[in-house]
Amino acid sequence: MKLNLVTLAVVIIGLSLYVMHAPLLPWTAWRIAGIAIAAPAFLLFVAARISLGRAFSLQAKATTLVTTGVYSRIRNPIYVFGAIFILGIIIWMGRPWLLLIFAVLIPIQVVRSRKEEQVLTEKFGATYLDYKQKTWF
């Protein structure tokens, strides 16, 4: 429950900052493209986080194998949609040099996903391996 409250607080703070500052900026093609990328990615990120429920943790743990919702197609939707959301925000901000974040973010996410795969394979064995065959990243 504590992590859900932290997640909710982060979402509220982020949306509040956006609502306060976005109207002050001109709507260019880049800003529209950035929002067109970030908004659905954010919604899918939230859906993935909600689907994960109590199975969410900051460290790789194997309490429950979630295979429904967004997780029925993508093993790591929080990583995928989080990265796409950040990409949309970078485009919206009009600061392409911030794409350097991906030079750090993507390898970190790949390493984290591999660690999670090890933990889930140890806990759920063949069930996880079967799930892994049917999903992407």
C-alpha atoms as a PDB file:
ATOM      1  CA  MET A   1       0.000   0.000   0.000  1.00  0.00           C
ATOM      2  CA  LYS A   2       2.894   2.320   0.799  1.00  0.00           C
ATOM      3  CA  LEU A   3       4.320   2.039  -2.741  1.00  0.00           C
ATOM      4  CA  ASN A   4       0.890   2.722  -4.234  1.00  0.00           C
ATOM      5  CA  LEU A   5       0.693   5.958  -2.260  1.00  0.00           C
ATOM      6  CA  VAL A   6       4.187   6.964  -3.372  1.00  0.00           C
ATOM      7  CA  THR A   7       3.258   6.217  -6.991  1.00  0.00           C
ATOM      8  CA  LEU A   8       0.072   8.266  -6.645  1.00  0.00           C
ATOM      9  CA  ALA A   9       2.001  11.169  -5.085  1.00  0.00           C
ATOM     10  CA  VAL A  10       4.553  11.167  -7.933  1.00  0.00           C
ATOM     11  CA  VAL A  11       1.756  11.145 -10.533  1.00  0.00           C
ATOM     12  CA  ILE A  12      -0.101  14.010  -8.837  1.00  0.00           C
ATOM     13  CA  ILE A  13       3.050  16.113  -8.496  1.00  0.00           C
ATOM     14  CA  GLY A  14       4.058  15.468 -12.121  1.00  0.00           C
ATOM     15  CA  LEU A  15       0.626  16.297 -13.497  1.00  0.00           C
ATOM     16  CA  SER A  16       0.409  19.411 -11.319  1.00  0.00           C
ATOM     17  CA  LEU A  17       3.737  20.690 -12.622  1.00  0.00           C
ATOM     18  CA  TYR A  18       2.656  19.983 -16.188  1.00  0.00           C
ATOM     19  CA  VAL A  19      -0.693  21.754 -15.772  1.00  0.00           C
ATOM     20  CA  MET A  20       1.049  24.782 -14.221  1.00  0.00           C
ATOM     21  CA  HIS A  21       3.728  25.159 -16.905  1.00  0.00           C
ATOM     22  CA  ALA A  22       2.366  23.720 -20.151  1.00  0.00           C
ATOM     23  CA  PRO A  23      -0.111  26.528 -20.941  1.00  0.00           C
ATOM     24  CA  LEU A  24       2.735  29.045 -20.827  1.00  0.00           C
ATOM     25  CA  LEU A  25       4.587  27.367 -23.695  1.00  0.00           C
ATOM     26  CA  PRO A  26       3.778  27.735 -27.413  1.00  0.00           C
ATOM     27  CA  TRP A  27       2.274  24.663 -29.103  1.00  0.00           C
ATOM     28  CA  THR A  28       4.744  23.775 -31.827  1.00  0.00           C
ATOM     29  CA  ALA A  29       4.732  20.631 -33.961  1.00  0.00           C
ATOM     30  CA  TRP A  30       7.421  19.160 -31.679  1.00  0.00           C
ATOM     31  CA  ARG A  31       5.366  19.823 -28.545  1.00  0.00           C
ATOM     32  CA  ILE A  32       2.290  18.244 -30.104  1.00  0.00           C
ATOM     33  CA  ALA A  33       4.330  15.216 -31.239  1.00  0.00           C
ATOM     34  CA  GLY A  34       5.868  14.912 -27.773  1.00  0.00           C
ATOM     35  CA  ILE A  35       2.481  14.927 -26.058  1.00  0.00           C
ATOM     36  CA  ALA A  36       1.096  12.515 -28.668  1.00  0.00           C
ATOM     37  CA  ILE A  37       3.861  10.098 -27.665  1.00  0.00           C
ATOM     38  CA  ALA A  38       3.965  10.799 -23.914  1.00  0.00           C
ATOM     39  CA  ALA A  39       0.245  10.775 -23.085  1.00  0.00           C
ATOM     40  CA  PRO A  40      -0.623   7.240 -24.284  1.00  0.00           C
ATOM     41  CA  ALA A  41       2.700   5.930 -22.948  1.00  0.00           C
ATOM     42  CA  PHE A  42       1.881   7.417 -19.553  1.00  0.00           C
ATOM     43  CA  LEU A  43      -1.584   5.847 -19.548  1.00  0.00           C
ATOM     44  CA  LEU A  44      -0.139   2.447 -20.484  1.00  0.00           C
ATOM     45  CA  PHE A  45       2.561   2.876 -17.823  1.00  0.00           C
ATOM     46  CA  VAL A  46      -0.132   3.532 -15.204  1.00  0.00           C
ATOM     47  CA  ALA A  47      -2.182   0.562 -16.454  1.00  0.00           C
ATOM     48  CA  ALA A  48       0.892  -1.664 -16.140  1.00  0.00           C
ATOM     49  CA  ARG A  49       1.597  -0.381 -12.642  1.00  0.00           C
ATOM     50  CA  ILE A  50      -2.006  -1.006 -11.581  1.00  0.00           C
ATOM     51  CA  SER A  51      -1.945  -4.511 -13.112  1.00  0.00           C
ATOM     52  CA  LEU A  52       1.185  -5.307 -11.153  1.00  0.00           C
ATOM     53  CA  GLY A  53      -0.503  -4.391  -7.870  1.00  0.00           C
ATOM     54  CA  ARG A  54       1.255  -5.817  -4.819  1.00  0.00           C
ATOM     55  CA  ALA A  55       3.764  -7.626  -7.021  1.00  0.00           C
ATOM     56  CA  PHE A  56       5.479  -4.258  -7.673  1.00  0.00           C
ATOM     57  CA  SER A  57       8.834  -3.726  -5.995  1.00  0.00           C
ATOM     58  CA  LEU A  58      11.892  -1.639  -6.625  1.00  0.00           C
ATOM     59  CA  GLN A  59      14.147  -4.680  -6.297  1.00  0.00           C
ATOM     60  CA  ALA A  60      13.719  -7.925  -8.203  1.00  0.00           C
ATOM     61  CA  LYS A  61      11.424 -10.128  -6.127  1.00  0.00           C
ATOM     62  CA  ALA A  62       9.163 -12.960  -7.169  1.00  0.00           C
ATOM     63  CA  THR A  63       5.950 -12.840  -5.193  1.00  0.00           C
ATOM     64  CA  THR A  64       3.415 -13.234  -8.002  1.00  0.00           C
ATOM     65  CA  LEU A  65       3.700 -13.883 -11.730  1.00  0.00           C
ATOM     66  CA  VAL A  66       1.454 -11.306 -13.387  1.00  0.00           C
ATOM     67  CA  THR A  67       0.438 -12.412 -16.900  1.00  0.00           C
ATOM     68  CA  THR A  68      -2.780 -10.451 -17.468  1.00  0.00           C
ATOM     69  CA  GLY A  69      -3.558  -7.019 -18.853  1.00  0.00           C
ATOM     70  CA  VAL A  70      -0.586  -5.329 -20.495  1.00  0.00           C
ATOM     71  CA  TYR A  71       1.591  -8.115 -19.078  1.00  0.00           C
ATOM     72  CA  SER A  72      -0.100 -10.619 -21.390  1.00  0.00           C
ATOM     73  CA  ARG A  73       1.866  -9.102 -24.293  1.00  0.00           C
ATOM     74  CA  ILE A  74       4.926  -7.401 -22.746  1.00  0.00           C
ATOM     75  CA  ARG A  75       6.978  -8.790 -19.842  1.00  0.00           C
ATOM     76  CA  ASN A  76       8.299  -5.395 -18.777  1.00  0.00           C
ATOM     77  CA  PRO A  77       5.701  -2.787 -19.756  1.00  0.00           C
ATOM     78  CA  ILE A  78       6.734  -0.404 -16.990  1.00  0.00           C
ATOM     79  CA  TYR A  79      10.214  -0.204 -18.514  1.00  0.00           C
ATOM     80  CA  VAL A  80       8.928   0.026 -22.082  1.00  0.00           C
ATOM     81  CA  PHE A  81       6.237   2.632 -21.501  1.00  0.00           C
ATOM     82  CA  GLY A  82       8.374   4.541 -18.999  1.00  0.00           C
ATOM     83  CA  ALA A  83      11.076   4.915 -21.650  1.00  0.00           C
ATOM     84  CA  ILE A  84       8.549   5.939 -24.316  1.00  0.00           C
ATOM     85  CA  PHE A  85       7.021   8.449 -21.895  1.00  0.00           C
ATOM     86  CA  ILE A  86      10.454   9.959 -21.212  1.00  0.00           C
ATOM     87  CA  LEU A  87      11.103  10.118 -24.961  1.00  0.00           C
ATOM     88  CA  GLY A  88       7.810  11.984 -25.448  1.00  0.00           C
ATOM     89  CA  ILE A  89       8.659  14.435 -22.689  1.00  0.00           C
ATOM     90  CA  ILE A  90      12.104  15.069 -24.180  1.00  0.00           C
ATOM     91  CA  ILE A  91      10.508  15.772 -27.571  1.00  0.00           C
ATOM     92  CA  TRP A  92       7.858  17.967 -25.901  1.00  0.00           C
ATOM     93  CA  MET A  93      10.593  19.903 -24.108  1.00  0.00           C
ATOM     94  CA  GLY A  94      12.455  20.462 -27.374  1.00  0.00           C
ATOM     95  CA  ARG A  95      15.769  19.442 -25.843  1.00  0.00           C
ATOM     96  CA  PRO A  96      17.225  16.719 -28.110  1.00  0.00           C
ATOM     97  CA  TRP A  97      20.470  16.637 -26.124  1.00  0.00           C
ATOM     98  CA  LEU A  98      18.441  15.039 -23.333  1.00  0.00           C
ATOM     99  CA  LEU A  99      18.262  11.946 -25.560  1.00  0.00           C
ATOM    100  CA  LEU A 100      21.578  11.135 -23.918  1.00  0.00           C
ATOM    101  CA  ILE A 101      19.395   9.919 -21.063  1.00  0.00           C
ATOM    102  CA  PHE A 102      18.623   6.915 -23.260  1.00  0.00           C
ATOM    103  CA  ALA A 103      22.315   6.147 -23.547  1.00  0.00           C
ATOM    104  CA  VAL A 104      22.088   5.436 -19.814  1.00  0.00           C
ATOM    105  CA  LEU A 105      18.430   4.454 -19.340  1.00  0.00           C
ATOM    106  CA  ILE A 106      18.080   1.656 -21.891  1.00  0.00           C
ATOM    107  CA  PRO A 107      21.109  -0.410 -20.797  1.00  0.00           C
ATOM    108  CA  ILE A 108      20.028  -0.025 -17.158  1.00  0.00           C
ATOM    109  CA  GLN A 109      16.535  -1.267 -18.014  1.00  0.00           C
ATOM    110  CA  VAL A 110      17.947  -4.237 -19.943  1.00  0.00           C
ATOM    111  CA  VAL A 111      20.169  -5.204 -17.004  1.00  0.00           C
ATOM    112  CA  ARG A 112      17.264  -4.846 -14.561  1.00  0.00           C
ATOM    113  CA  SER A 113      14.982  -6.941 -16.762  1.00  0.00           C
ATOM    114  CA  ARG A 114      17.593  -9.706 -16.976  1.00  0.00           C
ATOM    115  CA  LYS A 115      17.930  -9.729 -13.185  1.00  0.00           C
ATOM    116  CA  GLU A 116      14.153  -9.954 -12.864  1.00  0.00           C
ATOM    117  CA  GLU A 117      14.113 -12.813 -15.387  1.00  0.00           C
ATOM    118  CA  GLN A 118      16.611 -14.747 -13.251  1.00  0.00           C
ATOM    119  CA  VAL A 119      14.549 -14.246 -10.102  1.00  0.00           C
ATOM    120  CA  LEU A 120      11.274 -15.150 -11.828  1.00  0.00           C
ATOM    121  CA  THR A 121      12.803 -18.214 -13.494  1.00  0.00           C
ATOM    122  CA  GLU A 122      14.113 -19.440 -10.150  1.00  0.00           C
ATOM    123  CA  LYS A 123      10.718 -18.970  -8.495  1.00  0.00           C
ATOM    124  CA  PHE A 124       8.284 -20.010 -11.253  1.00  0.00           C
ATOM    125  CA  GLY A 125      10.451 -22.237 -13.481  1.00  0.00           C
ATOM    126  CA  ALA A 126       8.702 -23.648 -16.549  1.00  0.00           C
ATOM    127  CA  THR A 127       5.620 -21.472 -16.008  1.00  0.00           C
ATOM    128  CA  TYR A 128       7.731 -18.329 -16.401  1.00  0.00           C
ATOM    129  CA  LEU A 129       9.708 -19.737 -19.337  1.00  0.00           C
ATOM    130  CA  ASP A 130       6.433 -20.538 -21.127  1.00  0.00           C
ATOM    131  CA  TYR A 131       5.145 -17.018 -20.411  1.00  0.00           C
ATOM    132  CA  LYS A 132       8.446 -15.568 -21.651  1.00  0.00           C
ATOM    133  CA  GLN A 133       8.070 -17.387 -24.993  1.00  0.00           C
ATOM    134  CA  LYS A 134       4.664 -15.786 -25.541  1.00  0.00           C
ATOM    135  CA  THR A 135       5.639 -12.185 -24.748  1.00  0.00           C
ATOM    136  CA  TRP A 136       7.986  -9.448 -25.898  1.00  0.00           C
ATOM    137  CA  PHE A 137      10.726  -7.821 -23.752  1.00  0.00           C
END
